[in-house]
Amino acid sequence: MASLSKVKTQVWLLILVVFLLGGVAGASVDRLLLFKGQSASPGRGERGGRGKMIEQMKTDLNLTDEQTTAIRTIFEDMRKEFSPRRFDECPGVKESREKSRARVRAVLTQEQQKKFDEMNARRDAEMMKEPAKDSAKDSK
């Protein structure tokens, strides 16, 4: 009987170790992909980035609380539509991005729209530079 109890304990310990190692491996791969595939620009990477981007927009565009809430909802809708993987790799992302930008513009005043368009132009220019940076890293 003592032998059977010892075997059961060993089996449960083995299952626990395998479970823990799987969690550590999964977290490591997630971090590796996050740092390799994401840029440091606002709104990308960790979930806090999206909040930072909204706060940056709130400051840069002088948004009201109602506008901030509406824009946060738009971003959440887009997040639900696409996984947190790199947007450029998802089919239909360009159309969704344009649709979301149009929804955001509808919430803004004309002056805010101009600033928003400038911000997007800078962000798009940065995104166009990213593949060149990634390929330069890969060639090292």
C-alpha atoms as a PDB file:
ATOM      1  CA  MET A   1       0.000   0.000   0.000  1.00  0.00           C
ATOM      2  CA  ALA A   2       2.793   2.425   0.852  1.00  0.00           C
ATOM      3  CA  SER A   3       4.291   1.765  -2.564  1.00  0.00           C
ATOM      4  CA  LEU A   4       1.028   2.658  -4.338  1.00  0.00           C
ATOM      5  CA  SER A   5       0.725   5.890  -2.368  1.00  0.00           C
ATOM      6  CA  LYS A   6       4.314   6.768  -3.225  1.00  0.00           C
ATOM      7  CA  VAL A   7       3.672   6.199  -6.953  1.00  0.00           C
ATOM      8  CA  LYS A   8       0.530   8.361  -6.871  1.00  0.00           C
ATOM      9  CA  THR A   9       2.476  11.158  -5.186  1.00  0.00           C
ATOM     10  CA  GLN A  10       5.225  10.913  -7.787  1.00  0.00           C
ATOM     11  CA  VAL A  11       2.705  10.993 -10.643  1.00  0.00           C
ATOM     12  CA  TRP A  12       1.013  14.101  -9.228  1.00  0.00           C
ATOM     13  CA  LEU A  13       4.364  15.803  -8.709  1.00  0.00           C
ATOM     14  CA  LEU A  14       5.332  14.974 -12.292  1.00  0.00           C
ATOM     15  CA  ILE A  15       2.058  16.422 -13.571  1.00  0.00           C
ATOM     16  CA  LEU A  16       2.615  19.563 -11.486  1.00  0.00           C
ATOM     17  CA  VAL A  17       6.169  19.986 -12.792  1.00  0.00           C
ATOM     18  CA  VAL A  18       5.036  19.529 -16.411  1.00  0.00           C
ATOM     19  CA  PHE A  19       2.252  22.073 -15.893  1.00  0.00           C
ATOM     20  CA  LEU A  20       4.627  24.616 -14.356  1.00  0.00           C
ATOM     21  CA  LEU A  21       7.238  24.123 -17.083  1.00  0.00           C
ATOM     22  CA  GLY A  22       4.541  24.604 -19.728  1.00  0.00           C
ATOM     23  CA  GLY A  23       3.500  27.869 -18.121  1.00  0.00           C
ATOM     24  CA  VAL A  24       7.078  29.126 -17.941  1.00  0.00           C
ATOM     25  CA  ALA A  25       7.749  28.108 -21.553  1.00  0.00           C
ATOM     26  CA  GLY A  26       4.541  29.772 -22.754  1.00  0.00           C
ATOM     27  CA  ALA A  27       5.294  33.001 -20.923  1.00  0.00           C
ATOM     28  CA  SER A  28       8.850  33.009 -22.292  1.00  0.00           C
ATOM     29  CA  VAL A  29       7.696  32.541 -25.877  1.00  0.00           C
ATOM     30  CA  ASP A  30       5.062  35.252 -25.425  1.00  0.00           C
ATOM     31  CA  ARG A  31       7.680  37.710 -24.163  1.00  0.00           C
ATOM     32  CA  LEU A  32      10.115  36.747 -26.918  1.00  0.00           C
ATOM     33  CA  LEU A  33       7.524  37.327 -29.640  1.00  0.00           C
ATOM     34  CA  LEU A  34       6.364  40.558 -28.022  1.00  0.00           C
ATOM     35  CA  PHE A  35       9.869  42.040 -27.951  1.00  0.00           C
ATOM     36  CA  LYS A  36      10.850  40.736 -31.374  1.00  0.00           C
ATOM     37  CA  GLY A  37       7.698  41.618 -33.271  1.00  0.00           C
ATOM     38  CA  GLN A  38       6.517  44.835 -31.690  1.00  0.00           C
ATOM     39  CA  SER A  39       7.811  48.380 -31.835  1.00  0.00           C
ATOM     40  CA  ALA A  40       8.126  50.860 -29.005  1.00  0.00           C
ATOM     41  CA  SER A  41       5.554  53.199 -30.545  1.00  0.00           C
ATOM     42  CA  PRO A  42       2.439  53.916 -28.472  1.00  0.00           C
ATOM     43  CA  GLY A  43      -0.442  51.511 -28.837  1.00  0.00           C
ATOM     44  CA  ARG A  44       1.700  48.528 -29.662  1.00  0.00           C
ATOM     45  CA  GLY A  45       3.084  45.844 -27.499  1.00  0.00           C
ATOM     46  CA  GLU A  46       1.788  45.449 -24.000  1.00  0.00           C
ATOM     47  CA  ARG A  47      -1.796  46.259 -23.144  1.00  0.00           C
ATOM     48  CA  GLY A  48      -0.658  49.357 -21.289  1.00  0.00           C
ATOM     49  CA  GLY A  49       0.465  50.793 -24.627  1.00  0.00           C
ATOM     50  CA  ARG A  50      -3.104  51.253 -25.833  1.00  0.00           C
ATOM     51  CA  GLY A  51      -3.954  53.194 -22.675  1.00  0.00           C
ATOM     52  CA  LYS A  52      -0.844  55.304 -23.116  1.00  0.00           C
ATOM     53  CA  MET A  53      -1.838  56.070 -26.696  1.00  0.00           C
ATOM     54  CA  ILE A  54      -5.283  57.219 -25.585  1.00  0.00           C
ATOM     55  CA  GLU A  55      -3.731  59.393 -22.881  1.00  0.00           C
ATOM     56  CA  GLN A  56      -1.297  60.834 -25.446  1.00  0.00           C
ATOM     57  CA  MET A  57      -4.209  61.598 -27.777  1.00  0.00           C
ATOM     58  CA  LYS A  58      -6.137  63.140 -24.900  1.00  0.00           C
ATOM     59  CA  THR A  59      -3.211  65.468 -24.207  1.00  0.00           C
ATOM     60  CA  ASP A  60      -2.222  66.225 -27.817  1.00  0.00           C
ATOM     61  CA  LEU A  61      -5.774  66.709 -29.076  1.00  0.00           C
ATOM     62  CA  ASN A  62      -7.181  68.235 -25.880  1.00  0.00           C
ATOM     63  CA  LEU A  63     -10.017  65.701 -25.842  1.00  0.00           C
ATOM     64  CA  THR A  64     -13.063  66.029 -23.640  1.00  0.00           C
ATOM     65  CA  ASP A  65     -14.039  63.176 -21.334  1.00  0.00           C
ATOM     66  CA  GLU A  66     -16.836  62.200 -23.721  1.00  0.00           C
ATOM     67  CA  GLN A  67     -14.429  62.093 -26.669  1.00  0.00           C
ATOM     68  CA  THR A  68     -11.940  60.028 -24.675  1.00  0.00           C
ATOM     69  CA  THR A  69     -14.641  57.527 -23.739  1.00  0.00           C
ATOM     70  CA  ALA A  70     -15.844  57.273 -27.338  1.00  0.00           C
ATOM     71  CA  ILE A  71     -12.312  56.734 -28.659  1.00  0.00           C
ATOM     72  CA  ARG A  72     -11.580  54.124 -25.992  1.00  0.00           C
ATOM     73  CA  THR A  73     -14.723  52.255 -27.131  1.00  0.00           C
ATOM     74  CA  ILE A  74     -13.596  52.418 -30.764  1.00  0.00           C
ATOM     75  CA  PHE A  75     -10.190  50.978 -29.855  1.00  0.00           C
ATOM     76  CA  GLU A  76     -11.810  48.212 -27.808  1.00  0.00           C
ATOM     77  CA  ASP A  77     -14.036  47.319 -30.773  1.00  0.00           C
ATOM     78  CA  MET A  78     -10.968  47.083 -32.993  1.00  0.00           C
ATOM     79  CA  ARG A  79      -9.107  44.987 -30.398  1.00  0.00           C
ATOM     80  CA  LYS A  80     -12.020  42.536 -30.292  1.00  0.00           C
ATOM     81  CA  GLU A  81     -12.008  42.300 -34.077  1.00  0.00           C
ATOM     82  CA  PHE A  82      -8.317  41.434 -34.308  1.00  0.00           C
ATOM     83  CA  SER A  83      -6.061  39.408 -32.074  1.00  0.00           C
ATOM     84  CA  PRO A  84      -3.197  41.201 -30.356  1.00  0.00           C
ATOM     85  CA  ARG A  85      -0.822  39.830 -32.977  1.00  0.00           C
ATOM     86  CA  ARG A  86       0.900  42.228 -35.250  1.00  0.00           C
ATOM     87  CA  PHE A  87      -1.892  44.073 -37.114  1.00  0.00           C
ATOM     88  CA  ASP A  88      -0.066  44.235 -40.423  1.00  0.00           C
ATOM     89  CA  GLU A  89      -0.108  40.445 -40.690  1.00  0.00           C
ATOM     90  CA  CYS A  90      -3.887  40.139 -40.273  1.00  0.00           C
ATOM     91  CA  PRO A  91      -6.111  40.165 -43.349  1.00  0.00           C
ATOM     92  CA  GLY A  92      -8.442  43.139 -43.523  1.00  0.00           C
ATOM     93  CA  VAL A  93      -6.529  45.180 -40.978  1.00  0.00           C
ATOM     94  CA  LYS A  94      -6.005  48.166 -43.270  1.00  0.00           C
ATOM     95  CA  GLU A  95      -9.737  48.487 -43.853  1.00  0.00           C
ATOM     96  CA  SER A  96     -10.462  48.106 -40.151  1.00  0.00           C
ATOM     97  CA  ARG A  97      -7.813  50.695 -39.254  1.00  0.00           C
ATOM     98  CA  GLU A  98      -9.312  53.170 -41.725  1.00  0.00           C
ATOM     99  CA  LYS A  99     -12.813  52.473 -40.422  1.00  0.00           C
ATOM    100  CA  SER A 100     -11.670  53.036 -36.838  1.00  0.00           C
ATOM    101  CA  ARG A 101      -9.843  56.220 -37.783  1.00  0.00           C
ATOM    102  CA  ALA A 102     -12.983  57.513 -39.500  1.00  0.00           C
ATOM    103  CA  ARG A 103     -15.002  56.747 -36.357  1.00  0.00           C
ATOM    104  CA  VAL A 104     -12.449  58.605 -34.222  1.00  0.00           C
ATOM    105  CA  ARG A 105     -12.455  61.584 -36.614  1.00  0.00           C
ATOM    106  CA  ALA A 106     -16.257  61.780 -36.310  1.00  0.00           C
ATOM    107  CA  VAL A 107     -15.858  62.346 -32.555  1.00  0.00           C
ATOM    108  CA  LEU A 108     -13.294  65.147 -32.956  1.00  0.00           C
ATOM    109  CA  THR A 109     -13.575  68.838 -33.763  1.00  0.00           C
ATOM    110  CA  GLN A 110     -12.034  70.156 -37.011  1.00  0.00           C
ATOM    111  CA  GLU A 111      -8.896  71.367 -35.213  1.00  0.00           C
ATOM    112  CA  GLN A 112      -8.543  68.021 -33.440  1.00  0.00           C
ATOM    113  CA  GLN A 113      -9.060  66.190 -36.746  1.00  0.00           C
ATOM    114  CA  LYS A 114      -6.084  68.021 -38.273  1.00  0.00           C
ATOM    115  CA  LYS A 115      -3.837  67.056 -35.364  1.00  0.00           C
ATOM    116  CA  PHE A 116      -5.183  63.497 -35.449  1.00  0.00           C
ATOM    117  CA  ASP A 117      -4.395  63.232 -39.165  1.00  0.00           C
ATOM    118  CA  GLU A 118      -0.851  64.498 -38.511  1.00  0.00           C
ATOM    119  CA  MET A 119      -0.400  61.945 -35.721  1.00  0.00           C
ATOM    120  CA  ASN A 120      -1.589  59.150 -37.998  1.00  0.00           C
ATOM    121  CA  ALA A 121       0.702  60.272 -40.815  1.00  0.00           C
ATOM    122  CA  ARG A 122       3.685  60.113 -38.427  1.00  0.00           C
ATOM    123  CA  ARG A 123       2.574  56.728 -37.061  1.00  0.00           C
ATOM    124  CA  ASP A 124       2.121  55.338 -40.587  1.00  0.00           C
ATOM    125  CA  ALA A 125       5.573  56.616 -41.593  1.00  0.00           C
ATOM    126  CA  GLU A 126       7.082  54.876 -38.553  1.00  0.00           C
ATOM    127  CA  MET A 127       5.272  51.664 -39.417  1.00  0.00           C
ATOM    128  CA  MET A 128       6.691  51.760 -42.948  1.00  0.00           C
ATOM    129  CA  LYS A 129      10.221  51.996 -41.513  1.00  0.00           C
ATOM    130  CA  GLU A 130       9.756  49.018 -39.151  1.00  0.00           C
ATOM    131  CA  PRO A 131      10.192  46.175 -41.685  1.00  0.00           C
ATOM    132  CA  ALA A 132      13.571  47.605 -42.702  1.00  0.00           C
ATOM    133  CA  LYS A 133      14.646  47.656 -39.051  1.00  0.00           C
ATOM    134  CA  ASP A 134      13.433  44.069 -38.540  1.00  0.00           C
ATOM    135  CA  SER A 135      15.268  42.798 -41.613  1.00  0.00           C
ATOM    136  CA  ALA A 136      18.447  44.577 -40.497  1.00  0.00           C
ATOM    137  CA  LYS A 137      18.190  42.792 -37.143  1.00  0.00           C
ATOM    138  CA  ASP A 138      17.585  39.435 -38.844  1.00  0.00           C
ATOM    139  CA  SER A 139      20.665  39.802 -41.057  1.00  0.00           C
ATOM    140  CA  LYS A 140      22.980  40.200 -38.043  1.00  0.00           C
END
